[in-house]
Amino acid sequence: MQKIIIELNKSSINNGRIYFKSEDVNFFPKSSLGDRASSGNKGSQVLFKASGLEFRTDIRQNSGKTLSPRSSFAKYIKEIKAIEGTKLLIERTDETVYLVSKHQS
């Protein structure tokens, strides 16, 4: 099982997004990668499970530095009362399934 720990920053919390480093691209199936623009190429969906919530989304290549699920995680971020510096553990449990949990440092 592959795992990544990400740290939420102010932008993540304000925009309801989780951001991965571009080096994490191999954490996702190539088919799930889509363009940044909403009118651009969409990738196939992957499933993120977080505290009973499910987010089906592709992964957008935001820039040369970051990737993010296209769907907003605002509901989950609010539910866990995230603040700047909150860490999330993302575990790949299957080819297209990811488990998201608050990381206890």
PDB file of N, CA and C in Angstrom:
ATOM      1  N   MET A   1       0.851  -1.175   0.000  1.00  0.00           N
ATOM      2  CA  MET A   1       0.000   0.000   0.000  1.00  0.00           C
ATOM      3  C   MET A   1       0.898   1.239   0.000  1.00  0.00           C
ATOM      4  N   GLN A   2       0.627   2.153  -0.912  1.00  0.00           N
ATOM      5  CA  GLN A   2       1.373   3.402  -0.982  1.00  0.00           C
ATOM      6  C   GLN A   2       0.726   4.441  -0.077  1.00  0.00           C
ATOM      7  N   LYS A   3       1.568   5.306   0.520  1.00  0.00           N
ATOM      8  CA  LYS A   3       1.069   6.337   1.418  1.00  0.00           C
ATOM      9  C   LYS A   3       1.791   7.644   1.144  1.00  0.00           C
ATOM     10  N   ILE A   4       1.074   8.742   1.319  1.00  0.00           N
ATOM     11  CA  ILE A   4       1.651  10.072   1.219  1.00  0.00           C
ATOM     12  C   ILE A   4       1.061  10.906   2.356  1.00  0.00           C
ATOM     13  N   ILE A   5       1.892  11.726   2.957  1.00  0.00           N
ATOM     14  CA  ILE A   5       1.418  12.681   3.963  1.00  0.00           C
ATOM     15  C   ILE A   5       1.517  14.060   3.333  1.00  0.00           C
ATOM     16  N   ILE A   6       0.404  14.791   3.372  1.00  0.00           N
ATOM     17  CA  ILE A   6       0.409  16.157   2.855  1.00  0.00           C
ATOM     18  C   ILE A   6       0.023  17.108   3.981  1.00  0.00           C
ATOM     19  N   GLU A   7       0.504  18.322   3.869  1.00  0.00           N
ATOM     20  CA  GLU A   7       0.206  19.340   4.871  1.00  0.00           C
ATOM     21  C   GLU A   7      -0.687  20.397   4.249  1.00  0.00           C
ATOM     22  N   LEU A   8      -1.783  20.702   4.923  1.00  0.00           N
ATOM     23  CA  LEU A   8      -2.700  21.716   4.421  1.00  0.00           C
ATOM     24  C   LEU A   8      -2.142  23.106   4.708  1.00  0.00           C
ATOM     25  N   ASN A   9      -2.240  23.954   3.712  1.00  0.00           N
ATOM     26  CA  ASN A   9      -1.839  25.345   3.904  1.00  0.00           C
ATOM     27  C   ASN A   9      -3.097  26.215   3.858  1.00  0.00           C
ATOM     28  N   LYS A  10      -2.922  27.497   4.008  1.00  0.00           N
ATOM     29  CA  LYS A  10      -4.063  28.407   4.042  1.00  0.00           C
ATOM     30  C   LYS A  10      -4.886  28.315   2.758  1.00  0.00           C
ATOM     31  N   SER A  11      -4.224  28.226   1.616  1.00  0.00           N
ATOM     32  CA  SER A  11      -4.918  28.114   0.332  1.00  0.00           C
ATOM     33  C   SER A  11      -5.761  26.838   0.277  1.00  0.00           C
ATOM     34  N   SER A  12      -5.211  25.722   0.761  1.00  0.00           N
ATOM     35  CA  SER A  12      -5.953  24.452   0.794  1.00  0.00           C
ATOM     36  C   SER A  12      -7.259  24.612   1.560  1.00  0.00           C
ATOM     37  N   ILE A  13      -7.156  25.215   2.726  1.00  0.00           N
ATOM     38  CA  ILE A  13      -8.317  25.359   3.597  1.00  0.00           C
ATOM     39  C   ILE A  13      -9.328  26.337   2.992  1.00  0.00           C
ATOM     40  N   ASN A  14      -8.848  27.477   2.521  1.00  0.00           N
ATOM     41  CA  ASN A  14      -9.746  28.486   1.943  1.00  0.00           C
ATOM     42  C   ASN A  14     -10.459  27.995   0.690  1.00  0.00           C
ATOM     43  N   ASN A  15      -9.757  27.180  -0.121  1.00  0.00           N
ATOM     44  CA  ASN A  15     -10.317  26.719  -1.389  1.00  0.00           C
ATOM     45  C   ASN A  15     -10.883  25.305  -1.344  1.00  0.00           C
ATOM     46  N   GLY A  16     -10.784  24.650  -0.190  1.00  0.00           N
ATOM     47  CA  GLY A  16     -11.312  23.290  -0.072  1.00  0.00           C
ATOM     48  C   GLY A  16     -10.559  22.284  -0.919  1.00  0.00           C
ATOM     49  N   ARG A  17      -9.277  22.492  -1.093  1.00  0.00           N
ATOM     50  CA  ARG A  17      -8.459  21.645  -1.965  1.00  0.00           C
ATOM     51  C   ARG A  17      -7.359  20.949  -1.183  1.00  0.00           C
ATOM     52  N   ILE A  18      -6.978  19.791  -1.686  1.00  0.00           N
ATOM     53  CA  ILE A  18      -5.767  19.151  -1.201  1.00  0.00           C
ATOM     54  C   ILE A  18      -4.792  19.132  -2.367  1.00  0.00           C
ATOM     55  N   TYR A  19      -3.558  19.473  -2.077  1.00  0.00           N
ATOM     56  CA  TYR A  19      -2.543  19.600  -3.115  1.00  0.00           C
ATOM     57  C   TYR A  19      -1.431  18.577  -2.907  1.00  0.00           C
ATOM     58  N   PHE A  20      -1.058  17.943  -3.997  1.00  0.00           N
ATOM     59  CA  PHE A  20       0.055  17.003  -4.013  1.00  0.00           C
ATOM     60  C   PHE A  20       1.197  17.633  -4.790  1.00  0.00           C
ATOM     61  N   LYS A  21       2.411  17.256  -4.459  1.00  0.00           N
ATOM     62  CA  LYS A  21       3.572  17.713  -5.226  1.00  0.00           C
ATOM     63  C   LYS A  21       3.565  17.038  -6.591  1.00  0.00           C
ATOM     64  N   SER A  22       4.091  17.702  -7.594  1.00  0.00           N
ATOM     65  CA  SER A  22       4.120  17.119  -8.937  1.00  0.00           C
ATOM     66  C   SER A  22       4.899  15.798  -8.957  1.00  0.00           C
ATOM     67  N   GLU A  23       5.836  15.637  -8.020  1.00  0.00           N
ATOM     68  CA  GLU A  23       6.597  14.379  -7.941  1.00  0.00           C
ATOM     69  C   GLU A  23       5.715  13.201  -7.530  1.00  0.00           C
ATOM     70  N   ASP A  24       4.526  13.477  -7.011  1.00  0.00           N
ATOM     71  CA  ASP A  24       3.600  12.418  -6.586  1.00  0.00           C
ATOM     72  C   ASP A  24       2.752  11.890  -7.738  1.00  0.00           C
ATOM     73  N   VAL A  25       3.053  12.299  -8.949  1.00  0.00           N
ATOM     74  CA  VAL A  25       2.227  11.942 -10.104  1.00  0.00           C
ATOM     75  C   VAL A  25       2.040  10.430 -10.236  1.00  0.00           C
ATOM     76  N   ASN A  26       3.046   9.642  -9.889  1.00  0.00           N
ATOM     77  CA  ASN A  26       2.934   8.183 -10.020  1.00  0.00           C
ATOM     78  C   ASN A  26       2.078   7.544  -8.938  1.00  0.00           C
ATOM     79  N   PHE A  27       1.618   8.333  -7.982  1.00  0.00           N
ATOM     80  CA  PHE A  27       0.705   7.858  -6.936  1.00  0.00           C
ATOM     81  C   PHE A  27      -0.682   7.611  -7.538  1.00  0.00           C
ATOM     82  N   PHE A  28      -0.935   8.188  -8.708  1.00  0.00           N
ATOM     83  CA  PHE A  28      -2.239   8.106  -9.376  1.00  0.00           C
ATOM     84  C   PHE A  28      -2.114   7.379 -10.713  1.00  0.00           C
ATOM     85  N   PRO A  29      -3.171   6.679 -11.122  1.00  0.00           N
ATOM     86  CA  PRO A  29      -3.134   6.057 -12.452  1.00  0.00           C
ATOM     87  C   PRO A  29      -3.005   7.141 -13.527  1.00  0.00           C
ATOM     88  N   LYS A  30      -2.207   6.886 -14.545  1.00  0.00           N
ATOM     89  CA  LYS A  30      -2.027   7.866 -15.624  1.00  0.00           C
ATOM     90  C   LYS A  30      -3.353   8.277 -16.239  1.00  0.00           C
ATOM     91  N   SER A  31      -4.282   7.345 -16.310  1.00  0.00           N
ATOM     92  CA  SER A  31      -5.581   7.636 -16.933  1.00  0.00           C
ATOM     93  C   SER A  31      -6.409   8.642 -16.124  1.00  0.00           C
ATOM     94  N   SER A  32      -6.063   8.849 -14.853  1.00  0.00           N
ATOM     95  CA  SER A  32      -6.840   9.762 -13.998  1.00  0.00           C
ATOM     96  C   SER A  32      -6.391  11.214 -14.123  1.00  0.00           C
ATOM     97  N   LEU A  33      -5.302  11.464 -14.830  1.00  0.00           N
ATOM     98  CA  LEU A  33      -4.748  12.812 -14.929  1.00  0.00           C
ATOM     99  C   LEU A  33      -5.452  13.618 -16.015  1.00  0.00           C
ATOM    100  N   GLY A  34      -5.913  14.797 -15.643  1.00  0.00           N
ATOM    101  CA  GLY A  34      -6.598  15.686 -16.577  1.00  0.00           C
ATOM    102  C   GLY A  34      -5.960  17.051 -16.599  1.00  0.00           C
ATOM    103  N   ASP A  35      -6.431  17.887 -17.503  1.00  0.00           N
ATOM    104  CA  ASP A  35      -5.938  19.259 -17.624  1.00  0.00           C
ATOM    105  C   ASP A  35      -6.460  20.117 -16.483  1.00  0.00           C
ATOM    106  N   ARG A  36      -5.793  21.213 -16.257  1.00  0.00           N
ATOM    107  CA  ARG A  36      -6.207  22.147 -15.211  1.00  0.00           C
ATOM    108  C   ARG A  36      -7.546  22.805 -15.538  1.00  0.00           C
ATOM    109  N   ALA A  37      -7.717  23.215 -16.769  1.00  0.00           N
ATOM    110  CA  ALA A  37      -8.923  23.939 -17.179  1.00  0.00           C
ATOM    111  C   ALA A  37     -10.156  23.045 -17.094  1.00  0.00           C
ATOM    112  N   SER A  38     -11.257  23.619 -16.634  1.00  0.00           N
ATOM    113  CA  SER A  38     -12.495  22.834 -16.528  1.00  0.00           C
ATOM    114  C   SER A  38     -12.993  22.409 -17.903  1.00  0.00           C
ATOM    115  N   SER A  39     -12.636  23.146 -18.934  1.00  0.00           N
ATOM    116  CA  SER A  39     -13.068  22.800 -20.292  1.00  0.00           C
ATOM    117  C   SER A  39     -12.074  21.865 -20.981  1.00  0.00           C
ATOM    118  N   GLY A  40     -10.975  21.540 -20.306  1.00  0.00           N
ATOM    119  CA  GLY A  40      -9.939  20.708 -20.893  1.00  0.00           C
ATOM    120  C   GLY A  40     -10.217  19.225 -20.736  1.00  0.00           C
ATOM    121  N   ASN A  41      -9.209  18.430 -21.048  1.00  0.00           N
ATOM    122  CA  ASN A  41      -9.278  16.979 -20.955  1.00  0.00           C
ATOM    123  C   ASN A  41      -9.506  16.544 -19.514  1.00  0.00           C
ATOM    124  N   LYS A  42     -10.479  15.680 -19.301  1.00  0.00           N
ATOM    125  CA  LYS A  42     -10.748  15.119 -17.969  1.00  0.00           C
ATOM    126  C   LYS A  42     -10.165  13.709 -17.932  1.00  0.00           C
ATOM    127  N   GLY A  43      -9.626  13.350 -16.794  1.00  0.00           N
ATOM    128  CA  GLY A  43      -9.123  11.999 -16.610  1.00  0.00           C
ATOM    129  C   GLY A  43     -10.222  11.084 -16.083  1.00  0.00           C
ATOM    130  N   SER A  44      -9.918   9.802 -16.012  1.00  0.00           N
ATOM    131  CA  SER A  44     -10.876   8.862 -15.426  1.00  0.00           C
ATOM    132  C   SER A  44     -10.941   9.109 -13.920  1.00  0.00           C
ATOM    133  N   GLN A  45     -12.047   8.769 -13.318  1.00  0.00           N
ATOM    134  CA  GLN A  45     -12.248   9.073 -11.905  1.00  0.00           C
ATOM    135  C   GLN A  45     -11.565   8.074 -10.981  1.00  0.00           C
ATOM    136  N   VAL A  46     -11.096   8.615  -9.864  1.00  0.00           N
ATOM    137  CA  VAL A  46     -10.623   7.815  -8.745  1.00  0.00           C
ATOM    138  C   VAL A  46     -11.536   8.140  -7.571  1.00  0.00           C
ATOM    139  N   LEU A  47     -11.470   7.336  -6.529  1.00  0.00           N
ATOM    140  CA  LEU A  47     -12.338   7.512  -5.369  1.00  0.00           C
ATOM    141  C   LEU A  47     -11.501   7.810  -4.133  1.00  0.00           C
ATOM    142  N   PHE A  48     -11.820   8.919  -3.473  1.00  0.00           N
ATOM    143  CA  PHE A  48     -11.220   9.261  -2.185  1.00  0.00           C
ATOM    144  C   PHE A  48     -12.283   9.042  -1.125  1.00  0.00           C
ATOM    145  N   LYS A  49     -11.960   8.269  -0.083  1.00  0.00           N
ATOM    146  CA  LYS A  49     -12.863   8.030   1.043  1.00  0.00           C
ATOM    147  C   LYS A  49     -12.289   8.751   2.257  1.00  0.00           C
ATOM    148  N   ALA A  50     -13.130   9.614   2.866  1.00  0.00           N
ATOM    149  CA  ALA A  50     -12.665  10.430   3.982  1.00  0.00           C
ATOM    150  C   ALA A  50     -13.772  10.586   5.014  1.00  0.00           C
ATOM    151  N   SER A  51     -13.623   9.952   6.154  1.00  0.00           N
ATOM    152  CA  SER A  51     -14.606  10.062   7.257  1.00  0.00           C
ATOM    153  C   SER A  51     -16.038   9.823   6.805  1.00  0.00           C
ATOM    154  N   GLY A  52     -16.261   8.777   6.054  1.00  0.00           N
ATOM    155  CA  GLY A  52     -17.610   8.457   5.588  1.00  0.00           C
ATOM    156  C   GLY A  52     -18.045   9.235   4.359  1.00  0.00           C
ATOM    157  N   LEU A  53     -17.254  10.186   3.925  1.00  0.00           N
ATOM    158  CA  LEU A  53     -17.551  10.948   2.707  1.00  0.00           C
ATOM    159  C   LEU A  53     -16.815  10.310   1.539  1.00  0.00           C
ATOM    160  N   GLU A  54     -17.395  10.417   0.356  1.00  0.00           N
ATOM    161  CA  GLU A  54     -16.748   9.894  -0.838  1.00  0.00           C
ATOM    162  C   GLU A  54     -16.639  10.992  -1.885  1.00  0.00           C
ATOM    163  N   PHE A  55     -15.470  11.075  -2.493  1.00  0.00           N
ATOM    164  CA  PHE A  55     -15.204  12.066  -3.529  1.00  0.00           C
ATOM    165  C   PHE A  55     -14.720  11.322  -4.771  1.00  0.00           C
ATOM    166  N   ARG A  56     -15.529  11.342  -5.818  1.00  0.00           N
ATOM    167  CA  ARG A  56     -15.145  10.729  -7.095  1.00  0.00           C
ATOM    168  C   ARG A  56     -14.690  11.858  -8.007  1.00  0.00           C
ATOM    169  N   THR A  57     -13.446  11.747  -8.471  1.00  0.00           N
ATOM    170  CA  THR A  57     -12.861  12.861  -9.190  1.00  0.00           C
ATOM    171  C   THR A  57     -11.666  12.421 -10.021  1.00  0.00           C
ATOM    172  N   ASP A  58     -11.317  13.233 -10.988  1.00  0.00           N
ATOM    173  CA  ASP A  58     -10.051  13.024 -11.663  1.00  0.00           C
ATOM    174  C   ASP A  58      -9.003  13.885 -10.954  1.00  0.00           C
ATOM    175  N   ILE A  59      -7.780  13.817 -11.423  1.00  0.00           N
ATOM    176  CA  ILE A  59      -6.680  14.561 -10.819  1.00  0.00           C
ATOM    177  C   ILE A  59      -6.206  15.596 -11.834  1.00  0.00           C
ATOM    178  N   ARG A  60      -6.250  16.876 -11.453  1.00  0.00           N
ATOM    179  CA  ARG A  60      -5.824  17.905 -12.396  1.00  0.00           C
ATOM    180  C   ARG A  60      -4.366  18.271 -12.160  1.00  0.00           C
ATOM    181  N   GLN A  61      -3.693  18.493 -13.242  1.00  0.00           N
ATOM    182  CA  GLN A  61      -2.309  18.933 -13.193  1.00  0.00           C
ATOM    183  C   GLN A  61      -2.336  20.448 -13.138  1.00  0.00           C
ATOM    184  N   ASN A  62      -2.250  20.995 -11.926  1.00  0.00           N
ATOM    185  CA  ASN A  62      -2.398  22.429 -11.706  1.00  0.00           C
ATOM    186  C   ASN A  62      -1.277  23.244 -12.316  1.00  0.00           C
ATOM    187  N   SER A  63      -0.074  22.809 -12.098  1.00  0.00           N
ATOM    188  CA  SER A  63       1.083  23.555 -12.561  1.00  0.00           C
ATOM    189  C   SER A  63       2.248  22.583 -12.592  1.00  0.00           C
ATOM    190  N   GLY A  64       3.416  23.103 -12.824  1.00  0.00           N
ATOM    191  CA  GLY A  64       4.592  22.254 -12.778  1.00  0.00           C
ATOM    192  C   GLY A  64       4.924  21.783 -11.375  1.00  0.00           C
ATOM    193  N   LYS A  65       4.265  22.383 -10.375  1.00  0.00           N
ATOM    194  CA  LYS A  65       4.596  22.073  -8.981  1.00  0.00           C
ATOM    195  C   LYS A  65       3.538  21.271  -8.243  1.00  0.00           C
ATOM    196  N   THR A  66       2.273  21.349  -8.665  1.00  0.00           N
ATOM    197  CA  THR A  66       1.218  20.681  -7.897  1.00  0.00           C
ATOM    198  C   THR A  66       0.206  19.934  -8.757  1.00  0.00           C
ATOM    199  N   LEU A  67      -0.435  18.971  -8.091  1.00  0.00           N
ATOM    200  CA  LEU A  67      -1.571  18.209  -8.622  1.00  0.00           C
ATOM    201  C   LEU A  67      -2.662  18.319  -7.572  1.00  0.00           C
ATOM    202  N   SER A  68      -3.930  18.211  -7.992  1.00  0.00           N
ATOM    203  CA  SER A  68      -5.001  18.168  -6.997  1.00  0.00           C
ATOM    204  C   SER A  68      -6.220  17.468  -7.568  1.00  0.00           C
ATOM    205  N   PRO A  69      -6.978  16.808  -6.690  1.00  0.00           N
ATOM    206  CA  PRO A  69      -8.263  16.282  -7.136  1.00  0.00           C
ATOM    207  C   PRO A  69      -9.122  17.455  -7.613  1.00  0.00           C
ATOM    208  N   ARG A  70      -9.871  17.256  -8.694  1.00  0.00           N
ATOM    209  CA  ARG A  70     -10.712  18.329  -9.236  1.00  0.00           C
ATOM    210  C   ARG A  70     -11.848  18.673  -8.272  1.00  0.00           C
ATOM    211  N   SER A  71     -12.366  17.693  -7.561  1.00  0.00           N
ATOM    212  CA  SER A  71     -13.461  17.927  -6.610  1.00  0.00           C
ATOM    213  C   SER A  71     -12.976  18.691  -5.388  1.00  0.00           C
ATOM    214  N   SER A  72     -13.865  19.466  -4.825  1.00  0.00           N
ATOM    215  CA  SER A  72     -13.577  20.195  -3.593  1.00  0.00           C
ATOM    216  C   SER A  72     -13.687  19.250  -2.396  1.00  0.00           C
ATOM    217  N   PHE A  73     -12.785  19.398  -1.470  1.00  0.00           N
ATOM    218  CA  PHE A  73     -12.802  18.639  -0.223  1.00  0.00           C
ATOM    219  C   PHE A  73     -13.234  19.533   0.933  1.00  0.00           C
ATOM    220  N   ALA A  74     -13.892  20.651   0.628  1.00  0.00           N
ATOM    221  CA  ALA A  74     -14.264  21.635   1.644  1.00  0.00           C
ATOM    222  C   ALA A  74     -15.074  21.011   2.784  1.00  0.00           C
ATOM    223  N   LYS A  75     -16.001  20.144   2.465  1.00  0.00           N
ATOM    224  CA  LYS A  75     -16.836  19.533   3.504  1.00  0.00           C
ATOM    225  C   LYS A  75     -15.986  18.719   4.478  1.00  0.00           C
ATOM    226  N   TYR A  76     -15.047  17.959   3.948  1.00  0.00           N
ATOM    227  CA  TYR A  76     -14.167  17.155   4.795  1.00  0.00           C
ATOM    228  C   TYR A  76     -13.224  18.048   5.607  1.00  0.00           C
ATOM    229  N   ILE A  77     -12.637  19.038   4.952  1.00  0.00           N
ATOM    230  CA  ILE A  77     -11.706  19.943   5.635  1.00  0.00           C
ATOM    231  C   ILE A  77     -12.408  20.655   6.792  1.00  0.00           C
ATOM    232  N   LYS A  78     -13.649  21.056   6.561  1.00  0.00           N
ATOM    233  CA  LYS A  78     -14.424  21.703   7.624  1.00  0.00           C
ATOM    234  C   LYS A  78     -14.750  20.701   8.733  1.00  0.00           C
ATOM    235  N   GLU A  79     -15.122  19.483   8.347  1.00  0.00           N
ATOM    236  CA  GLU A  79     -15.500  18.456   9.320  1.00  0.00           C
ATOM    237  C   GLU A  79     -14.366  18.138  10.292  1.00  0.00           C
ATOM    238  N   ILE A  80     -13.136  18.107   9.800  1.00  0.00           N
ATOM    239  CA  ILE A  80     -12.013  17.773  10.687  1.00  0.00           C
ATOM    240  C   ILE A  80     -11.440  19.008  11.376  1.00  0.00           C
ATOM    241  N   LYS A  81     -12.077  20.169  11.118  1.00  0.00           N
ATOM    242  CA  LYS A  81     -11.645  21.433  11.731  1.00  0.00           C
ATOM    243  C   LYS A  81     -10.160  21.707  11.451  1.00  0.00           C
ATOM    244  N   ALA A  82      -9.796  21.548  10.183  1.00  0.00           N
ATOM    245  CA  ALA A  82      -8.405  21.726   9.776  1.00  0.00           C
ATOM    246  C   ALA A  82      -7.954  23.163   9.956  1.00  0.00           C
ATOM    247  N   ILE A  83      -6.729  23.288  10.363  1.00  0.00           N
ATOM    248  CA  ILE A  83      -6.072  24.593  10.447  1.00  0.00           C
ATOM    249  C   ILE A  83      -4.785  24.485   9.628  1.00  0.00           C
ATOM    250  N   GLU A  84      -4.193  25.620   9.347  1.00  0.00           N
ATOM    251  CA  GLU A  84      -2.948  25.609   8.600  1.00  0.00           C
ATOM    252  C   GLU A  84      -1.935  24.719   9.325  1.00  0.00           C
ATOM    253  N   GLY A  85      -1.341  23.792   8.590  1.00  0.00           N
ATOM    254  CA  GLY A  85      -0.387  22.854   9.175  1.00  0.00           C
ATOM    255  C   GLY A  85      -0.978  21.483   9.471  1.00  0.00           C
ATOM    256  N   THR A  86      -2.312  21.351   9.415  1.00  0.00           N
ATOM    257  CA  THR A  86      -2.927  20.034   9.598  1.00  0.00           C
ATOM    258  C   THR A  86      -2.386  19.098   8.529  1.00  0.00           C
ATOM    259  N   LYS A  87      -2.042  17.882   8.941  1.00  0.00           N
ATOM    260  CA  LYS A  87      -1.506  16.901   7.998  1.00  0.00           C
ATOM    261  C   LYS A  87      -2.550  15.828   7.711  1.00  0.00           C
ATOM    262  N   LEU A  88      -2.575  15.408   6.448  1.00  0.00           N
ATOM    263  CA  LEU A  88      -3.465  14.336   6.018  1.00  0.00           C
ATOM    264  C   LEU A  88      -2.632  13.161   5.539  1.00  0.00           C
ATOM    265  N   LEU A  89      -3.065  11.971   5.887  1.00  0.00           N
ATOM    266  CA  LEU A  89      -2.464  10.734   5.389  1.00  0.00           C
ATOM    267  C   LEU A  89      -3.347  10.240   4.253  1.00  0.00           C
ATOM    268  N   ILE A  90      -2.779  10.073   3.084  1.00  0.00           N
ATOM    269  CA  ILE A  90      -3.499   9.559   1.921  1.00  0.00           C
ATOM    270  C   ILE A  90      -2.916   8.186   1.624  1.00  0.00           C
ATOM    271  N   GLU A  91      -3.754   7.149   1.700  1.00  0.00           N
ATOM    272  CA  GLU A  91      -3.312   5.776   1.460  1.00  0.00           C
ATOM    273  C   GLU A  91      -4.002   5.231   0.216  1.00  0.00           C
ATOM    274  N   ARG A  92      -3.226   4.718  -0.685  1.00  0.00           N
ATOM    275  CA  ARG A  92      -3.785   4.081  -1.885  1.00  0.00           C
ATOM    276  C   ARG A  92      -4.086   2.640  -1.514  1.00  0.00           C
ATOM    277  N   THR A  93      -5.383   2.298  -1.462  1.00  0.00           N
ATOM    278  CA  THR A  93      -5.794   0.964  -1.021  1.00  0.00           C
ATOM    279  C   THR A  93      -6.127   0.041  -2.181  1.00  0.00           C
ATOM    280  N   ASP A  94      -6.288   0.610  -3.364  1.00  0.00           N
ATOM    281  CA  ASP A  94      -6.585  -0.157  -4.576  1.00  0.00           C
ATOM    282  C   ASP A  94      -6.127   0.694  -5.753  1.00  0.00           C
ATOM    283  N   GLU A  95      -6.228   0.178  -6.954  1.00  0.00           N
ATOM    284  CA  GLU A  95      -5.764   0.903  -8.140  1.00  0.00           C
ATOM    285  C   GLU A  95      -6.345   2.312  -8.236  1.00  0.00           C
ATOM    286  N   THR A  96      -7.614   2.473  -7.865  1.00  0.00           N
ATOM    287  CA  THR A  96      -8.269   3.782  -7.998  1.00  0.00           C
ATOM    288  C   THR A  96      -8.965   4.232  -6.711  1.00  0.00           C
ATOM    289  N   VAL A  97      -8.560   3.680  -5.564  1.00  0.00           N
ATOM    290  CA  VAL A  97      -9.211   4.003  -4.296  1.00  0.00           C
ATOM    291  C   VAL A  97      -8.166   4.515  -3.297  1.00  0.00           C
ATOM    292  N   TYR A  98      -8.517   5.628  -2.651  1.00  0.00           N
ATOM    293  CA  TYR A  98      -7.621   6.289  -1.702  1.00  0.00           C
ATOM    294  C   TYR A  98      -8.377   6.557  -0.404  1.00  0.00           C
ATOM    295  N   LEU A  99      -7.729   6.303   0.704  1.00  0.00           N
ATOM    296  CA  LEU A  99      -8.294   6.555   2.022  1.00  0.00           C
ATOM    297  C   LEU A  99      -7.605   7.802   2.583  1.00  0.00           C
ATOM    298  N   VAL A 100      -8.415   8.781   3.020  1.00  0.00           N
ATOM    299  CA  VAL A 100      -7.899  10.040   3.544  1.00  0.00           C
ATOM    300  C   VAL A 100      -8.208  10.082   5.035  1.00  0.00           C
ATOM    301  N   SER A 101      -7.194  10.383   5.844  1.00  0.00           N
ATOM    302  CA  SER A 101      -7.416  10.519   7.281  1.00  0.00           C
ATOM    303  C   SER A 101      -6.501  11.608   7.830  1.00  0.00           C
ATOM    304  N   LYS A 102      -6.897  12.157   8.944  1.00  0.00           N
ATOM    305  CA  LYS A 102      -6.085  13.169   9.607  1.00  0.00           C
ATOM    306  C   LYS A 102      -4.878  12.463  10.197  1.00  0.00           C
ATOM    307  N   HIS A 103      -3.697  12.944   9.883  1.00  0.00           N
ATOM    308  CA  HIS A 103      -2.469  12.313  10.348  1.00  0.00           C
ATOM    309  C   HIS A 103      -2.122  12.813  11.742  1.00  0.00           C
ATOM    310  N   GLN A 104      -1.896  11.895  12.624  1.00  0.00           N
ATOM    311  CA  GLN A 104      -1.515  12.226  13.996  1.00  0.00           C
ATOM    312  C   GLN A 104      -0.002  12.231  14.064  1.00  0.00           C
ATOM    313  N   SER A 105       0.602  13.409  14.133  1.00  0.00           N
ATOM    314  CA  SER A 105       2.075  13.485  14.144  1.00  0.00           C
ATOM    315  C   SER A 105       2.641  13.178  15.498  1.00  0.00           C
TER     316      SER A 105
END
